Amino acid sequence: MTYHFPTITTLCYILNGNNEVLLSMKKRGVGVGRWNGQGGKVKEGESLEGSVIREVEEETGLKVANLINRGVLEFVAPEKPEIQSRRHIFITKDYEGNIIETEECYSKWHKLDKLPLNEMWDDDVIWLEKLLVEEKEVRYRFFLNQDEKLEKHEEI
């Protein structure tokens, strides 16, 4: 079956030398009250990498480089077309600057072996440790219901 994804987004996970990942707590908008990597919608004419660089700086104040594309996640939500999207996942260990709190979110480092999965999106349980701990590429399609809850998933 072919799916249409009207929204293309990016998501970045910044890793440091202390076996930690920088997560951001959303204060408003989609994902409010959840920890996540940094990212958002790709603007018209913007590259995926350009979107990551812009979003990370807007959300954290950090400048990132040497981005590694580590996969794609698709979200199929026939009853909520506004959240149907394809998300490109990036990681990096190359960043500079100081973390700032913004109107949208605040960010802090989390140990890779103590990820706050109970305060993250339902699908993160399925793929996030594979990405961050096992350092593998992730390619999944998630099917969400009208309440944005995960119904099922498949590898793609």
N, C-alpha and C. Protein backbone atom coordinates (compact mmCIF):
# COMPACT_ATOMS: atom_id res chain seq x y z
N MET A 1 0.83 -1.18 0.00
CA MET A 1 0.00 0.00 0.00
C MET A 1 0.89 1.25 0.00
N THR A 2 0.44 2.27 -0.72
CA THR A 2 1.17 3.53 -0.79
C THR A 2 0.52 4.55 0.13
N TYR A 3 1.34 5.28 0.86
CA TYR A 3 0.85 6.30 1.79
C TYR A 3 1.33 7.66 1.34
N HIS A 4 0.51 8.65 1.61
CA HIS A 4 0.86 10.04 1.29
C HIS A 4 1.25 10.74 2.59
N PHE A 5 2.40 11.41 2.57
CA PHE A 5 2.88 12.12 3.75
C PHE A 5 2.99 13.60 3.43
N PRO A 6 1.95 14.36 3.81
CA PRO A 6 1.94 15.79 3.49
C PRO A 6 2.99 16.59 4.25
N THR A 7 3.46 16.06 5.35
CA THR A 7 4.43 16.78 6.18
C THR A 7 5.73 15.99 6.27
N ILE A 8 6.84 16.66 5.97
CA ILE A 8 8.17 16.06 6.12
C ILE A 8 8.84 16.78 7.30
N THR A 9 9.36 15.99 8.23
CA THR A 9 10.00 16.55 9.41
C THR A 9 11.38 15.93 9.61
N THR A 10 12.13 16.54 10.50
CA THR A 10 13.44 16.00 10.89
C THR A 10 13.48 15.89 12.41
N LEU A 11 14.36 15.02 12.88
CA LEU A 11 14.56 14.84 14.31
C LEU A 11 16.03 14.53 14.53
N CYS A 12 16.64 15.22 15.48
CA CYS A 12 18.07 15.07 15.73
C CYS A 12 18.32 14.67 17.18
N TYR A 13 19.26 13.76 17.35
CA TYR A 13 19.71 13.36 18.68
C TYR A 13 21.19 13.71 18.79
N ILE A 14 21.50 14.59 19.74
CA ILE A 14 22.88 15.03 19.97
C ILE A 14 23.46 14.18 21.09
N LEU A 15 24.60 13.57 20.83
CA LEU A 15 25.27 12.71 21.80
C LEU A 15 26.54 13.38 22.28
N ASN A 16 26.85 13.22 23.57
CA ASN A 16 28.10 13.78 24.10
C ASN A 16 29.07 12.65 24.48
N GLY A 17 30.22 13.01 24.99
CA GLY A 17 31.24 12.03 25.35
C GLY A 17 31.00 11.33 26.68
N ASN A 18 29.89 11.67 27.35
CA ASN A 18 29.57 11.07 28.65
C ASN A 18 28.47 10.02 28.55
N ASN A 19 28.28 9.45 27.35
CA ASN A 19 27.24 8.44 27.15
C ASN A 19 25.85 9.01 27.42
N GLU A 20 25.64 10.26 26.96
CA GLU A 20 24.37 10.94 27.17
C GLU A 20 23.82 11.49 25.86
N VAL A 21 22.51 11.69 25.85
CA VAL A 21 21.82 12.29 24.71
C VAL A 21 21.07 13.51 25.21
N LEU A 22 21.03 14.56 24.39
CA LEU A 22 20.31 15.77 24.75
C LEU A 22 18.85 15.62 24.31
N LEU A 23 17.95 15.69 25.28
CA LEU A 23 16.51 15.63 25.00
C LEU A 23 15.87 16.95 25.39
N SER A 24 14.80 17.28 24.70
CA SER A 24 14.09 18.53 24.97
C SER A 24 12.67 18.23 25.43
N MET A 25 12.24 18.94 26.47
CA MET A 25 10.87 18.82 26.98
C MET A 25 10.04 19.92 26.32
N LYS A 26 9.03 19.49 25.56
CA LYS A 26 8.18 20.44 24.86
C LYS A 26 7.25 21.15 25.85
N LYS A 27 7.20 22.48 25.73
CA LYS A 27 6.34 23.29 26.59
C LYS A 27 5.05 23.72 25.88
N ARG A 28 5.01 23.55 24.55
CA ARG A 28 3.81 23.92 23.78
C ARG A 28 3.80 23.15 22.46
N GLY A 29 2.66 23.16 21.80
CA GLY A 29 2.54 22.54 20.48
C GLY A 29 2.52 21.03 20.53
N VAL A 30 2.79 20.42 19.37
CA VAL A 30 2.78 18.96 19.25
C VAL A 30 3.84 18.38 20.18
N GLY A 31 3.46 17.42 20.99
CA GLY A 31 4.40 16.75 21.89
C GLY A 31 4.59 17.42 23.23
N VAL A 32 3.72 18.36 23.57
CA VAL A 32 3.85 19.06 24.84
C VAL A 32 3.89 18.05 26.00
N GLY A 33 4.80 18.28 26.95
CA GLY A 33 4.92 17.38 28.10
C GLY A 33 5.71 16.12 27.84
N ARG A 34 6.36 16.03 26.67
CA ARG A 34 7.14 14.84 26.33
C ARG A 34 8.58 15.23 26.03
N TRP A 35 9.49 14.32 26.40
CA TRP A 35 10.90 14.46 26.01
C TRP A 35 11.05 13.96 24.59
N ASN A 36 11.92 14.62 23.83
CA ASN A 36 12.16 14.21 22.45
C ASN A 36 13.49 14.80 22.01
N GLY A 37 13.95 14.36 20.85
CA GLY A 37 15.09 15.01 20.22
C GLY A 37 14.62 16.35 19.68
N GLN A 38 15.48 17.04 19.00
CA GLN A 38 15.14 18.35 18.47
C GLN A 38 14.80 18.21 16.99
N GLY A 39 13.81 18.96 16.56
CA GLY A 39 13.44 18.91 15.15
C GLY A 39 12.10 19.55 14.89
N GLY A 40 11.65 19.39 13.67
CA GLY A 40 10.37 19.97 13.28
C GLY A 40 10.18 19.87 11.78
N LYS A 41 9.25 20.66 11.28
CA LYS A 41 8.88 20.62 9.87
C LYS A 41 10.00 21.20 9.00
N VAL A 42 10.19 20.54 7.86
CA VAL A 42 11.12 21.03 6.85
C VAL A 42 10.40 22.12 6.06
N LYS A 43 11.01 23.28 5.97
CA LYS A 43 10.41 24.39 5.23
C LYS A 43 10.61 24.20 3.74
N GLU A 44 9.72 24.79 2.95
CA GLU A 44 9.82 24.69 1.50
C GLU A 44 11.17 25.20 1.03
N GLY A 45 11.84 24.40 0.20
CA GLY A 45 13.14 24.76 -0.33
C GLY A 45 14.31 24.47 0.61
N GLU A 46 14.02 23.96 1.80
CA GLU A 46 15.06 23.69 2.80
C GLU A 46 15.51 22.24 2.67
N SER A 47 16.80 21.98 2.82
CA SER A 47 17.30 20.61 2.82
C SER A 47 17.00 19.97 4.18
N LEU A 48 17.07 18.65 4.23
CA LEU A 48 16.87 17.95 5.50
C LEU A 48 17.91 18.40 6.52
N GLU A 49 19.17 18.45 6.11
CA GLU A 49 20.24 18.87 7.01
C GLU A 49 20.06 20.32 7.45
N GLY A 50 19.65 21.17 6.52
CA GLY A 50 19.39 22.57 6.86
C GLY A 50 18.29 22.72 7.88
N SER A 51 17.27 21.87 7.76
CA SER A 51 16.16 21.88 8.72
C SER A 51 16.66 21.49 10.11
N VAL A 52 17.49 20.44 10.17
CA VAL A 52 18.03 19.99 11.46
C VAL A 52 18.85 21.10 12.10
N ILE A 53 19.75 21.70 11.33
CA ILE A 53 20.62 22.75 11.88
C ILE A 53 19.78 23.90 12.42
N ARG A 54 18.77 24.33 11.66
CA ARG A 54 17.92 25.44 12.08
C ARG A 54 17.11 25.09 13.33
N GLU A 55 16.46 23.92 13.31
CA GLU A 55 15.61 23.52 14.43
C GLU A 55 16.41 23.34 15.72
N VAL A 56 17.56 22.70 15.64
CA VAL A 56 18.38 22.50 16.84
C VAL A 56 18.78 23.85 17.44
N GLU A 57 19.20 24.77 16.59
CA GLU A 57 19.61 26.07 17.11
C GLU A 57 18.42 26.83 17.70
N GLU A 58 17.26 26.77 17.04
CA GLU A 58 16.07 27.45 17.57
C GLU A 58 15.64 26.87 18.92
N GLU A 59 15.75 25.55 19.08
CA GLU A 59 15.25 24.90 20.28
C GLU A 59 16.25 24.84 21.42
N THR A 60 17.56 24.85 21.11
CA THR A 60 18.56 24.65 22.16
C THR A 60 19.64 25.72 22.22
N GLY A 61 19.82 26.47 21.15
CA GLY A 61 20.92 27.43 21.08
C GLY A 61 22.21 26.82 20.56
N LEU A 62 22.25 25.51 20.37
CA LEU A 62 23.46 24.83 19.92
C LEU A 62 23.56 24.84 18.39
N LYS A 63 24.80 24.86 17.92
CA LYS A 63 25.08 24.73 16.49
C LYS A 63 25.62 23.31 16.28
N VAL A 64 24.99 22.58 15.36
CA VAL A 64 25.41 21.20 15.09
C VAL A 64 26.02 21.08 13.70
N ALA A 65 26.87 20.07 13.54
CA ALA A 65 27.52 19.79 12.26
C ALA A 65 27.73 18.28 12.15
N ASN A 66 28.22 17.86 11.00
CA ASN A 66 28.53 16.43 10.75
C ASN A 66 27.35 15.53 11.12
N LEU A 67 26.20 15.87 10.58
CA LEU A 67 24.97 15.10 10.83
C LEU A 67 25.03 13.76 10.11
N ILE A 68 24.59 12.73 10.79
CA ILE A 68 24.53 11.39 10.20
C ILE A 68 23.06 11.00 10.10
N ASN A 69 22.60 10.72 8.86
CA ASN A 69 21.22 10.29 8.65
C ASN A 69 21.12 8.83 9.07
N ARG A 70 20.26 8.55 10.05
CA ARG A 70 20.15 7.21 10.60
C ARG A 70 18.78 6.57 10.38
N GLY A 71 18.00 7.10 9.42
CA GLY A 71 16.77 6.40 9.11
C GLY A 71 15.58 7.29 8.94
N VAL A 72 14.43 6.64 8.88
CA VAL A 72 13.18 7.35 8.65
C VAL A 72 12.05 6.66 9.42
N LEU A 73 11.16 7.48 9.92
CA LEU A 73 9.95 6.99 10.59
C LEU A 73 8.76 7.57 9.86
N GLU A 74 7.76 6.74 9.59
CA GLU A 74 6.54 7.21 8.95
C GLU A 74 5.39 7.05 9.93
N PHE A 75 4.54 8.06 9.98
CA PHE A 75 3.39 8.05 10.88
C PHE A 75 2.12 8.13 10.04
N VAL A 76 1.35 7.04 10.06
CA VAL A 76 0.11 6.94 9.30
C VAL A 76 -1.04 7.16 10.28
N ALA A 77 -1.84 8.18 10.00
CA ALA A 77 -2.93 8.54 10.92
C ALA A 77 -4.13 9.00 10.09
N PRO A 78 -4.88 8.06 9.51
CA PRO A 78 -5.99 8.44 8.62
C PRO A 78 -7.04 9.33 9.30
N GLU A 79 -7.22 9.16 10.59
CA GLU A 79 -8.23 9.96 11.30
C GLU A 79 -7.67 11.29 11.79
N LYS A 80 -6.37 11.49 11.68
CA LYS A 80 -5.72 12.75 12.08
C LYS A 80 -4.68 13.12 11.02
N PRO A 81 -5.12 13.52 9.84
CA PRO A 81 -4.17 13.79 8.74
C PRO A 81 -3.14 14.85 9.07
N GLU A 82 -3.42 15.72 10.03
CA GLU A 82 -2.46 16.77 10.39
C GLU A 82 -1.21 16.22 11.05
N ILE A 83 -1.24 14.98 11.53
CA ILE A 83 -0.03 14.40 12.13
C ILE A 83 0.58 13.32 11.25
N GLN A 84 -0.02 13.06 10.09
CA GLN A 84 0.56 12.08 9.17
C GLN A 84 1.82 12.69 8.58
N SER A 85 2.95 12.00 8.77
CA SER A 85 4.21 12.60 8.36
C SER A 85 5.30 11.56 8.16
N ARG A 86 6.35 12.00 7.46
CA ARG A 86 7.58 11.22 7.33
C ARG A 86 8.67 12.00 8.06
N ARG A 87 9.37 11.32 8.98
CA ARG A 87 10.38 11.97 9.81
C ARG A 87 11.74 11.36 9.53
N HIS A 88 12.69 12.21 9.19
CA HIS A 88 14.06 11.77 8.93
C HIS A 88 14.88 11.95 10.21
N ILE A 89 15.57 10.89 10.61
CA ILE A 89 16.27 10.83 11.90
C ILE A 89 17.77 11.03 11.70
N PHE A 90 18.33 11.95 12.48
CA PHE A 90 19.75 12.25 12.42
C PHE A 90 20.37 12.15 13.81
N ILE A 91 21.66 11.84 13.83
CA ILE A 91 22.43 11.91 15.08
C ILE A 91 23.69 12.73 14.81
N THR A 92 24.27 13.27 15.85
CA THR A 92 25.55 13.95 15.75
C THR A 92 26.23 13.97 17.11
N LYS A 93 27.54 14.04 17.06
CA LYS A 93 28.34 14.25 18.27
C LYS A 93 29.07 15.57 18.17
N ASP A 94 28.82 16.31 17.10
CA ASP A 94 29.53 17.54 16.79
C ASP A 94 28.60 18.74 17.04
N TYR A 95 28.82 19.41 18.15
CA TYR A 95 27.99 20.56 18.51
C TYR A 95 28.84 21.58 19.25
N GLU A 96 28.38 22.83 19.22
CA GLU A 96 29.06 23.87 20.00
C GLU A 96 28.02 24.87 20.49
N GLY A 97 28.40 25.59 21.54
CA GLY A 97 27.52 26.59 22.11
C GLY A 97 27.04 26.18 23.49
N ASN A 98 26.14 26.98 24.03
CA ASN A 98 25.55 26.71 25.35
C ASN A 98 24.06 26.46 25.20
N ILE A 99 23.56 25.49 25.95
CA ILE A 99 22.14 25.16 25.90
C ILE A 99 21.34 26.29 26.53
N ILE A 100 20.29 26.71 25.82
CA ILE A 100 19.38 27.73 26.34
C ILE A 100 17.97 27.17 26.43
N GLU A 101 17.16 27.74 27.31
CA GLU A 101 15.74 27.41 27.35
C GLU A 101 15.02 28.38 26.43
N THR A 102 14.04 27.87 25.68
CA THR A 102 13.28 28.70 24.76
C THR A 102 11.81 28.68 25.17
N GLU A 103 11.01 29.46 24.47
CA GLU A 103 9.56 29.46 24.74
C GLU A 103 8.95 28.10 24.41
N GLU A 104 9.58 27.36 23.50
CA GLU A 104 9.05 26.09 23.04
C GLU A 104 9.45 24.91 23.93
N CYS A 105 10.68 24.94 24.48
CA CYS A 105 11.15 23.78 25.22
C CYS A 105 12.36 24.11 26.08
N TYR A 106 12.67 23.19 26.98
CA TYR A 106 13.94 23.23 27.69
C TYR A 106 14.61 21.88 27.49
N SER A 107 15.93 21.87 27.57
CA SER A 107 16.69 20.67 27.21
C SER A 107 17.65 20.28 28.31
N LYS A 108 17.90 18.97 28.42
CA LYS A 108 18.91 18.49 29.36
C LYS A 108 19.45 17.14 28.89
N TRP A 109 20.63 16.81 29.40
CA TRP A 109 21.30 15.56 29.05
C TRP A 109 20.69 14.40 29.84
N HIS A 110 20.55 13.26 29.15
CA HIS A 110 20.02 12.03 29.77
C HIS A 110 20.99 10.89 29.46
N LYS A 111 21.29 10.09 30.47
CA LYS A 111 22.13 8.91 30.28
C LYS A 111 21.43 7.95 29.31
N LEU A 112 22.20 7.36 28.41
CA LEU A 112 21.61 6.45 27.43
C LEU A 112 20.99 5.22 28.08
N ASP A 113 21.48 4.82 29.23
CA ASP A 113 20.90 3.65 29.90
C ASP A 113 19.76 4.02 30.85
N LYS A 114 19.36 5.30 30.85
CA LYS A 114 18.25 5.75 31.71
C LYS A 114 17.36 6.72 30.95
N LEU A 115 17.00 6.36 29.74
CA LEU A 115 16.13 7.22 28.94
C LEU A 115 14.74 7.31 29.59
N PRO A 116 14.13 8.48 29.60
CA PRO A 116 12.81 8.65 30.24
C PRO A 116 11.67 8.20 29.31
N LEU A 117 11.70 6.92 28.92
CA LEU A 117 10.76 6.41 27.93
C LEU A 117 9.30 6.57 28.34
N ASN A 118 9.02 6.58 29.64
CA ASN A 118 7.63 6.76 30.09
C ASN A 118 7.15 8.19 29.92
N GLU A 119 8.05 9.11 29.56
CA GLU A 119 7.70 10.51 29.32
C GLU A 119 7.98 10.89 27.87
N MET A 120 7.97 9.88 27.00
CA MET A 120 8.26 10.11 25.59
C MET A 120 7.09 9.57 24.75
N TRP A 121 7.18 9.68 23.44
CA TRP A 121 6.15 9.15 22.55
C TRP A 121 6.10 7.63 22.66
N ASP A 122 4.93 7.05 22.45
CA ASP A 122 4.74 5.60 22.53
C ASP A 122 5.71 4.83 21.63
N ASP A 123 5.94 5.35 20.43
CA ASP A 123 6.78 4.62 19.47
C ASP A 123 8.25 4.60 19.86
N ASP A 124 8.70 5.54 20.69
CA ASP A 124 10.12 5.61 21.05
C ASP A 124 10.60 4.32 21.72
N VAL A 125 9.74 3.64 22.42
CA VAL A 125 10.09 2.37 23.08
C VAL A 125 10.57 1.35 22.06
N ILE A 126 10.04 1.43 20.85
CA ILE A 126 10.31 0.43 19.82
C ILE A 126 11.67 0.65 19.16
N TRP A 127 12.07 1.89 18.94
CA TRP A 127 13.24 2.15 18.10
C TRP A 127 14.36 2.98 18.71
N LEU A 128 14.11 3.75 19.76
CA LEU A 128 15.10 4.72 20.22
C LEU A 128 16.38 4.08 20.74
N GLU A 129 16.28 3.02 21.52
CA GLU A 129 17.49 2.37 22.03
C GLU A 129 18.28 1.71 20.90
N LYS A 130 17.57 1.19 19.88
CA LYS A 130 18.24 0.62 18.71
C LYS A 130 19.10 1.70 18.04
N LEU A 131 18.55 2.91 17.95
CA LEU A 131 19.27 4.03 17.34
C LEU A 131 20.44 4.50 18.20
N LEU A 132 20.17 4.77 19.48
CA LEU A 132 21.15 5.43 20.33
C LEU A 132 22.14 4.48 21.00
N VAL A 133 21.68 3.34 21.45
CA VAL A 133 22.55 2.41 22.18
C VAL A 133 23.23 1.42 21.23
N GLU A 134 22.43 0.83 20.33
CA GLU A 134 22.99 -0.13 19.38
C GLU A 134 23.62 0.55 18.16
N GLU A 135 23.35 1.86 18.01
CA GLU A 135 23.88 2.66 16.90
C GLU A 135 23.52 2.09 15.55
N LYS A 136 22.26 1.68 15.40
CA LYS A 136 21.76 1.11 14.16
C LYS A 136 20.79 2.07 13.49
N GLU A 137 20.62 1.88 12.19
CA GLU A 137 19.64 2.65 11.43
C GLU A 137 18.23 2.18 11.81
N VAL A 138 17.29 3.10 11.79
CA VAL A 138 15.90 2.75 12.09
C VAL A 138 15.02 3.11 10.90
N ARG A 139 14.10 2.21 10.56
CA ARG A 139 13.15 2.44 9.47
C ARG A 139 11.83 1.75 9.86
N TYR A 140 10.89 2.56 10.32
CA TYR A 140 9.62 2.02 10.80
C TYR A 140 8.45 2.84 10.27
N ARG A 141 7.31 2.16 10.19
CA ARG A 141 6.04 2.83 9.90
C ARG A 141 5.13 2.55 11.10
N PHE A 142 4.55 3.63 11.63
CA PHE A 142 3.67 3.54 12.79
C PHE A 142 2.26 3.94 12.40
N PHE A 143 1.29 3.20 12.89
CA PHE A 143 -0.11 3.48 12.61
C PHE A 143 -0.75 4.00 13.90
N LEU A 144 -1.28 5.22 13.82
CA LEU A 144 -1.83 5.88 15.00
C LEU A 144 -3.35 6.01 14.88
N ASN A 145 -4.03 5.95 16.04
CA ASN A 145 -5.48 6.12 16.04
C ASN A 145 -5.85 7.59 16.23
N GLN A 146 -7.13 7.86 16.36
CA GLN A 146 -7.60 9.25 16.47
C GLN A 146 -7.11 9.95 17.73
N ASP A 147 -6.67 9.18 18.73
CA ASP A 147 -6.13 9.76 19.96
C ASP A 147 -4.61 9.85 19.93
N GLU A 148 -4.03 9.65 18.75
CA GLU A 148 -2.59 9.69 18.53
C GLU A 148 -1.86 8.58 19.28
N LYS A 149 -2.57 7.51 19.59
CA LYS A 149 -1.96 6.36 20.27
C LYS A 149 -1.54 5.34 19.23
N LEU A 150 -0.45 4.66 19.50
CA LEU A 150 0.10 3.66 18.60
C LEU A 150 -0.80 2.43 18.53
N GLU A 151 -1.23 2.08 17.33
CA GLU A 151 -2.06 0.88 17.11
C GLU A 151 -1.20 -0.32 16.72
N LYS A 152 -0.28 -0.09 15.77
CA LYS A 152 0.63 -1.14 15.31
C LYS A 152 1.80 -0.49 14.61
N HIS A 153 2.83 -1.31 14.30
CA HIS A 153 3.99 -0.79 13.59
C HIS A 153 4.58 -1.90 12.73
N GLU A 154 5.41 -1.48 11.77
CA GLU A 154 6.10 -2.44 10.92
C GLU A 154 7.45 -1.83 10.50
N GLU A 155 8.41 -2.69 10.24
CA GLU A 155 9.68 -2.21 9.71
C GLU A 155 9.51 -1.96 8.22
N ILE A 156 10.20 -0.95 7.71
CA ILE A 156 10.11 -0.64 6.28
C ILE A 156 11.49 -0.66 5.65
